[in-house]
């Protein structure tokens, strides 16, 4: 069981940047789509 422990750690280290990049892409697409439907709303005006 102890021999597989570093393998899981290396697998996690290779997965974490992929998940971070996917989250960044998702956030960018969400902002682009929001700006497409509501243009020129960089800051919401306060009421």
N, C-alpha and C. Protein backbone atom coordinates (compact mmCIF):
# COMPACT_ATOMS: atom_id res chain seq x y z
N UNK A 1 0.83 -1.21 0.00
CA UNK A 1 0.00 0.00 0.00
C UNK A 1 0.87 1.26 0.00
N UNK A 2 2.01 1.21 0.69
CA UNK A 2 2.87 2.39 0.78
C UNK A 2 3.57 2.68 -0.55
N UNK A 3 3.69 1.69 -1.42
CA UNK A 3 4.38 1.91 -2.68
C UNK A 3 3.54 2.75 -3.65
N UNK A 4 2.23 2.70 -3.53
CA UNK A 4 1.37 3.46 -4.45
C UNK A 4 1.15 4.90 -4.00
N UNK A 5 1.60 5.25 -2.81
CA UNK A 5 1.33 6.59 -2.29
C UNK A 5 1.98 7.69 -3.13
N UNK A 6 3.26 7.62 -3.51
CA UNK A 6 3.82 8.68 -4.35
C UNK A 6 3.17 8.74 -5.73
N UNK A 7 2.70 7.62 -6.24
CA UNK A 7 2.05 7.61 -7.54
C UNK A 7 0.76 8.42 -7.50
N UNK A 8 0.00 8.29 -6.45
CA UNK A 8 -1.22 9.09 -6.32
C UNK A 8 -0.90 10.57 -6.19
N UNK A 9 0.20 10.88 -5.50
CA UNK A 9 0.59 12.28 -5.33
C UNK A 9 1.01 12.89 -6.67
N UNK A 10 1.75 12.13 -7.46
CA UNK A 10 2.16 12.63 -8.79
C UNK A 10 0.95 12.77 -9.70
N UNK A 11 0.01 11.86 -9.58
CA UNK A 11 -1.22 11.95 -10.39
C UNK A 11 -2.02 13.19 -9.99
N UNK A 12 -2.06 13.51 -8.68
CA UNK A 12 -2.76 14.71 -8.24
C UNK A 12 -2.06 15.96 -8.74
N UNK A 13 -0.73 15.96 -8.71
CA UNK A 13 0.00 17.14 -9.17
C UNK A 13 -0.17 17.37 -10.66
N UNK A 14 -0.40 16.30 -11.42
CA UNK A 14 -0.62 16.49 -12.85
C UNK A 14 -2.07 16.85 -13.15
N UNK A 15 -2.98 16.56 -12.22
CA UNK A 15 -4.40 16.86 -12.43
C UNK A 15 -4.75 18.28 -11.99
N UNK A 16 -4.09 18.80 -10.99
CA UNK A 16 -4.44 20.10 -10.44
C UNK A 16 -4.29 21.24 -11.46
N UNK A 17 -3.22 21.33 -12.25
CA UNK A 17 -3.17 22.41 -13.24
C UNK A 17 -4.23 22.29 -14.32
N UNK A 18 -4.60 21.06 -14.65
CA UNK A 18 -5.65 20.86 -15.66
C UNK A 18 -6.98 21.37 -15.13
N UNK A 19 -7.28 21.07 -13.87
CA UNK A 19 -8.53 21.56 -13.28
C UNK A 19 -8.52 23.08 -13.13
N UNK A 20 -7.37 23.65 -12.79
CA UNK A 20 -7.27 25.10 -12.69
C UNK A 20 -7.47 25.77 -14.04
N UNK A 21 -6.86 25.20 -15.09
CA UNK A 21 -7.02 25.75 -16.44
C UNK A 21 -8.47 25.63 -16.90
N UNK A 22 -9.13 24.51 -16.59
CA UNK A 22 -10.53 24.34 -16.97
C UNK A 22 -11.41 25.35 -16.24
N UNK A 23 -11.10 25.63 -14.98
CA UNK A 23 -11.88 26.62 -14.24
C UNK A 23 -11.68 28.02 -14.81
N UNK A 24 -10.45 28.34 -15.20
CA UNK A 24 -10.19 29.64 -15.80
C UNK A 24 -10.89 29.80 -17.15
N UNK A 25 -10.88 28.74 -17.94
CA UNK A 25 -11.59 28.78 -19.23
C UNK A 25 -13.08 28.95 -19.01
N UNK A 26 -13.63 28.23 -18.03
CA UNK A 26 -15.07 28.34 -17.74
C UNK A 26 -15.43 29.75 -17.29
N UNK A 27 -14.59 30.35 -16.44
CA UNK A 27 -14.85 31.71 -15.98
C UNK A 27 -14.76 32.71 -17.12
N UNK A 28 -13.78 32.53 -18.00
CA UNK A 28 -13.64 33.44 -19.13
C UNK A 28 -14.83 33.33 -20.07
N UNK A 29 -15.28 32.11 -20.35
CA UNK A 29 -16.45 31.92 -21.23
C UNK A 29 -17.69 32.52 -20.59
N UNK A 30 -17.84 32.35 -19.28
CA UNK A 30 -18.99 32.93 -18.58
C UNK A 30 -18.99 34.45 -18.68
N UNK A 31 -17.82 35.07 -18.51
CA UNK A 31 -17.74 36.52 -18.63
C UNK A 31 -17.98 36.99 -20.06
N UNK A 32 -17.48 36.24 -21.03
CA UNK A 32 -17.68 36.62 -22.43
C UNK A 32 -19.15 36.52 -22.82
N UNK A 33 -19.82 35.46 -22.40
CA UNK A 33 -21.24 35.30 -22.72
C UNK A 33 -22.07 36.36 -22.02
N UNK A 34 -21.74 36.66 -20.75
CA UNK A 34 -22.47 37.71 -20.02
C UNK A 34 -22.27 39.06 -20.69
N UNK A 35 -21.04 39.33 -21.16
CA UNK A 35 -20.79 40.60 -21.83
C UNK A 35 -21.41 40.64 -23.22
N UNK A 36 -21.66 39.49 -23.80
CA UNK A 36 -22.33 39.45 -25.11
C UNK A 36 -23.80 39.83 -24.98
N UNK A 37 -24.47 39.31 -23.94
CA UNK A 37 -25.90 39.59 -23.77
C UNK A 37 -26.15 40.94 -23.10
N UNK A 38 -25.24 41.38 -22.23
CA UNK A 38 -25.37 42.67 -21.57
C UNK A 38 -24.10 43.48 -21.84
N UNK A 39 -24.00 44.11 -23.00
CA UNK A 39 -22.75 44.83 -23.32
C UNK A 39 -22.60 46.11 -22.50
N UNK A 40 -21.36 46.52 -22.34
CA UNK A 40 -20.98 47.77 -21.66
C UNK A 40 -21.44 47.79 -20.21
N UNK A 41 -21.52 46.64 -19.58
CA UNK A 41 -21.81 46.60 -18.15
C UNK A 41 -20.57 46.09 -17.43
N UNK A 42 -19.47 46.83 -17.54
CA UNK A 42 -18.27 46.39 -16.85
C UNK A 42 -18.43 46.50 -15.35
N UNK A 43 -19.11 47.56 -14.90
CA UNK A 43 -19.43 47.73 -13.49
C UNK A 43 -20.93 47.95 -13.35
N UNK A 44 -21.54 47.23 -12.44
CA UNK A 44 -22.97 47.44 -12.24
C UNK A 44 -23.19 48.76 -11.54
N UNK A 45 -24.07 49.58 -12.08
CA UNK A 45 -24.32 50.87 -11.41
C UNK A 45 -25.06 50.67 -10.10
N UNK A 46 -24.67 51.43 -9.13
CA UNK A 46 -25.34 51.33 -7.83
C UNK A 46 -26.68 52.04 -7.90
N UNK A 47 -27.71 51.50 -7.25
CA UNK A 47 -29.04 52.14 -7.31
C UNK A 47 -29.09 53.43 -6.52
